[in-house]
Amino acid sequence: MKTDKEKMLAGELYNGMAKDLLLERIHTKDLLYDFNHCRPSNIEERDAIIRQVLGSVGSDFYIEPPFLCDYGYNISVGNNVFINYNCTILDCNTISIGNNVLIGPNVSLYAATHPTDSATRNQGLEYALPISIGNNVWIGGNVCVLPGVSIGDNCVIGTGSIVNKSIPANSIAVGNPCRVIKQTS
């Protein structure tokens, strides 16, 4: 029989309030409290804390606090990545961020979601789908990326977009819902 954590990572219905998952989120929140309250001049201390939180981090990675996530260990970040202020990542499934990625302020990446059937939802069950962001991507401020979305290499996602479907490589996409307005080479 699968644990709730195994179900969560498999994209199946799980109990998000299961004790082991709750304790893992509390541990991550404690670390993020320290990260988010570090003096701005303590860059090395902040870097050490965030590397304890995230699953994997490449070189030349920088994140502006405040930053929030659920577990952290489901997030992998490539090389040369900048994440601006107020990023929220609900990483109840894997979140993969490639190399050479710029993420604007107030961006949200939501792998977590809930059943549309109220009876199932009222049982406290939820599920999560992975999110993948390719290489050489720029995500503008106030963008929300929804569960199960992939953003291909060399994409630009316009400010304020709600990305509810995958975006193919070499695209400029904007809007609510986000749609491709131009292909690049």
Protein backbone atom coordinates (compact mmCIF):
# COMPACT_ATOMS: atom_id res chain seq x y z
CA MET A 1 0.00 0.00 0.00
CA LYS A 2 1.34 3.43 -0.96
CA THR A 3 2.02 6.14 1.57
CA ASP A 4 0.40 9.55 1.12
CA LYS A 5 3.78 10.91 0.06
CA GLU A 6 4.10 8.23 -2.64
CA LYS A 7 0.57 8.98 -3.83
CA MET A 8 1.36 12.72 -3.86
CA LEU A 9 4.41 12.26 -6.06
CA ALA A 10 2.52 9.84 -8.35
CA GLY A 11 -0.20 12.42 -9.05
CA GLU A 12 -2.82 10.37 -7.20
CA LEU A 13 -5.33 11.48 -4.58
CA TYR A 14 -3.68 11.75 -1.15
CA ASN A 15 -4.32 13.23 2.28
CA GLY A 16 -2.32 16.46 2.44
CA MET A 17 -2.79 16.61 6.20
CA ALA A 18 -1.15 13.23 6.81
CA LYS A 19 1.16 13.60 9.82
CA ASP A 20 4.42 12.86 7.98
CA LEU A 21 3.62 15.40 5.24
CA LEU A 22 2.55 18.01 7.79
CA LEU A 23 5.82 17.56 9.72
CA GLU A 24 7.86 17.89 6.51
CA ARG A 25 6.07 21.14 5.63
CA ILE A 26 6.68 22.52 9.12
CA HIS A 27 10.40 21.69 8.83
CA THR A 28 10.57 23.50 5.50
CA LYS A 29 8.67 26.50 6.88
CA ASP A 30 11.14 26.75 9.76
CA LEU A 31 14.05 26.87 7.31
CA LEU A 32 12.23 29.39 5.11
CA TYR A 33 11.55 31.56 8.14
CA ASP A 34 15.31 31.76 8.69
CA PHE A 35 15.94 32.39 4.98
CA ASN A 36 13.30 35.11 4.70
CA HIS A 37 14.48 36.89 7.86
CA CYS A 38 18.21 36.87 7.10
CA ARG A 39 19.82 40.28 6.81
CA PRO A 40 20.20 41.24 3.12
CA SER A 41 23.97 41.45 3.54
CA ASN A 42 24.15 37.80 4.72
CA ILE A 43 24.08 36.40 1.20
CA GLU A 44 26.21 33.34 2.05
CA GLU A 45 23.98 32.41 4.99
CA ARG A 46 20.83 32.77 2.86
CA ASP A 47 22.41 30.67 0.12
CA ALA A 48 23.31 27.91 2.60
CA ILE A 49 19.76 27.83 3.98
CA ILE A 50 18.03 27.72 0.60
CA ARG A 51 20.33 24.90 -0.52
CA GLN A 52 19.09 22.93 2.52
CA VAL A 53 15.49 23.51 1.40
CA LEU A 54 15.63 22.80 -2.32
CA GLY A 55 16.14 19.35 -3.81
CA SER A 56 18.95 20.42 -6.14
CA VAL A 57 20.45 23.75 -7.10
CA GLY A 58 22.96 24.53 -9.82
CA SER A 59 25.63 27.22 -9.84
CA ASP A 60 24.95 30.95 -10.07
CA PHE A 61 21.55 30.64 -8.42
CA TYR A 62 20.00 33.59 -6.62
CA ILE A 63 16.60 34.00 -5.01
CA GLU A 64 15.23 37.18 -3.48
CA PRO A 65 13.31 36.72 -0.27
CA PRO A 66 10.56 36.35 0.62
CA PHE A 67 10.18 32.89 -0.85
CA LEU A 68 7.59 30.25 0.06
CA CYS A 69 7.23 26.58 -0.80
CA ASP A 70 5.65 23.45 0.67
CA TYR A 71 8.42 20.83 0.78
CA GLY A 72 11.39 22.20 -1.17
CA TYR A 73 12.92 18.81 -1.92
CA ASN A 74 10.62 18.46 -4.96
CA ILE A 75 12.18 21.56 -6.56
CA SER A 76 15.21 21.28 -8.84
CA VAL A 77 16.90 24.41 -10.17
CA GLY A 78 19.53 24.58 -12.91
CA ASN A 79 22.48 26.91 -13.44
CA ASN A 80 22.27 30.68 -13.81
CA VAL A 81 18.77 31.12 -12.36
CA PHE A 82 17.33 34.27 -10.80
CA ILE A 83 14.05 34.20 -8.88
CA ASN A 84 12.68 37.59 -7.83
CA TYR A 85 10.68 38.65 -4.75
CA ASN A 86 7.54 36.90 -3.50
CA CYS A 87 7.82 33.63 -5.37
CA THR A 88 5.43 30.92 -4.15
CA ILE A 89 5.95 27.32 -5.21
CA LEU A 90 3.45 24.65 -4.16
CA ASP A 91 5.74 21.70 -4.77
CA CYS A 92 3.50 18.78 -3.88
CA ASN A 93 4.91 17.21 -7.03
CA THR A 94 8.15 17.86 -8.89
CA ILE A 95 8.99 21.35 -10.11
CA SER A 96 11.89 21.46 -12.54
CA ILE A 97 13.49 24.79 -13.48
CA GLY A 98 16.14 24.64 -16.22
CA ASN A 99 19.29 26.67 -16.88
CA ASN A 100 19.39 30.39 -17.64
CA VAL A 101 15.93 31.12 -16.24
CA LEU A 102 14.62 34.47 -15.05
CA ILE A 103 11.51 34.46 -12.85
CA GLY A 104 9.89 37.84 -12.16
CA PRO A 105 8.37 39.07 -8.91
CA ASN A 106 5.16 37.58 -7.52
CA VAL A 107 5.33 34.44 -9.65
CA SER A 108 3.45 31.36 -8.44
CA LEU A 109 4.08 27.77 -9.52
CA TYR A 110 1.22 25.54 -8.36
CA ALA A 111 1.70 21.78 -8.71
CA ALA A 112 -1.03 21.28 -6.08
CA THR A 113 -4.68 21.05 -7.01
CA HIS A 114 -7.96 19.72 -5.69
CA PRO A 115 -10.71 17.49 -7.07
CA THR A 116 -13.60 19.33 -8.70
CA ASP A 117 -16.00 16.83 -7.11
CA SER A 118 -17.00 18.37 -3.77
CA ALA A 119 -17.60 15.02 -2.03
CA THR A 120 -14.03 13.92 -2.76
CA ARG A 121 -12.63 17.35 -1.92
CA ASN A 122 -14.53 17.39 1.39
CA GLN A 123 -12.76 14.17 2.39
CA GLY A 124 -9.54 16.22 2.52
CA LEU A 125 -8.09 14.61 -0.59
CA GLU A 126 -5.98 16.47 -3.11
CA TYR A 127 -3.52 15.69 -5.87
CA ALA A 128 -0.59 17.32 -7.62
CA LEU A 129 0.92 17.29 -11.10
CA PRO A 130 4.51 18.16 -12.06
CA ILE A 131 5.62 21.45 -13.60
CA SER A 132 8.60 21.75 -15.94
CA ILE A 133 10.30 24.98 -17.03
CA GLY A 134 12.91 24.57 -19.76
CA ASN A 135 16.20 26.36 -20.42
CA ASN A 136 16.53 30.01 -21.41
CA VAL A 137 13.07 30.94 -20.14
CA TRP A 138 11.92 34.34 -18.92
CA ILE A 139 8.73 34.41 -16.83
CA GLY A 140 7.39 37.91 -16.25
CA GLY A 141 6.01 39.21 -12.98
CA ASN A 142 2.67 38.10 -11.55
CA VAL A 143 2.55 34.93 -13.66
CA CYS A 144 0.75 31.86 -12.34
CA VAL A 145 1.74 28.42 -13.70
CA LEU A 146 -0.84 25.71 -13.01
CA PRO A 147 -0.47 21.95 -12.34
CA GLY A 148 0.83 19.71 -15.11
CA VAL A 149 2.21 22.54 -17.27
CA SER A 150 5.49 22.38 -19.19
CA ILE A 151 7.13 25.50 -20.57
CA GLY A 152 9.58 24.67 -23.34
CA ASP A 153 13.08 26.01 -23.94
CA ASN A 154 13.60 29.60 -25.07
CA CYS A 155 10.14 30.84 -24.03
CA VAL A 156 8.99 34.20 -22.75
CA ILE A 157 5.84 34.25 -20.63
CA GLY A 158 4.30 37.74 -20.45
CA THR A 159 3.54 39.54 -17.22
CA GLY A 160 0.25 38.63 -15.57
CA SER A 161 -0.29 35.45 -17.56
CA ILE A 162 -2.16 32.42 -16.23
CA VAL A 163 -0.43 29.40 -17.77
CA ASN A 164 -2.97 26.58 -17.74
CA LYS A 165 -1.65 24.61 -20.75
CA SER A 166 1.85 23.63 -21.82
CA ILE A 167 3.76 26.12 -23.96
CA PRO A 168 5.95 24.76 -26.79
CA ALA A 169 9.62 25.70 -27.09
CA ASN A 170 10.58 28.94 -28.80
CA SER A 171 7.34 30.72 -27.96
CA ILE A 172 6.28 34.08 -26.68
CA ALA A 173 3.04 33.56 -24.77
CA VAL A 174 0.78 35.94 -22.86
CA GLY A 175 -2.65 36.35 -21.38
CA ASN A 176 -5.36 34.74 -19.32
CA PRO A 177 -5.46 32.04 -20.35
CA CYS A 178 -1.89 32.18 -21.63
CA ARG A 179 -1.57 31.57 -25.35
CA VAL A 180 1.26 31.64 -27.87
CA ILE A 181 1.34 34.90 -29.82
CA LYS A 182 4.66 34.40 -31.60
CA GLN A 183 7.10 31.61 -32.44
CA THR A 184 10.80 32.47 -32.38
CA SER A 185 13.66 30.64 -34.00
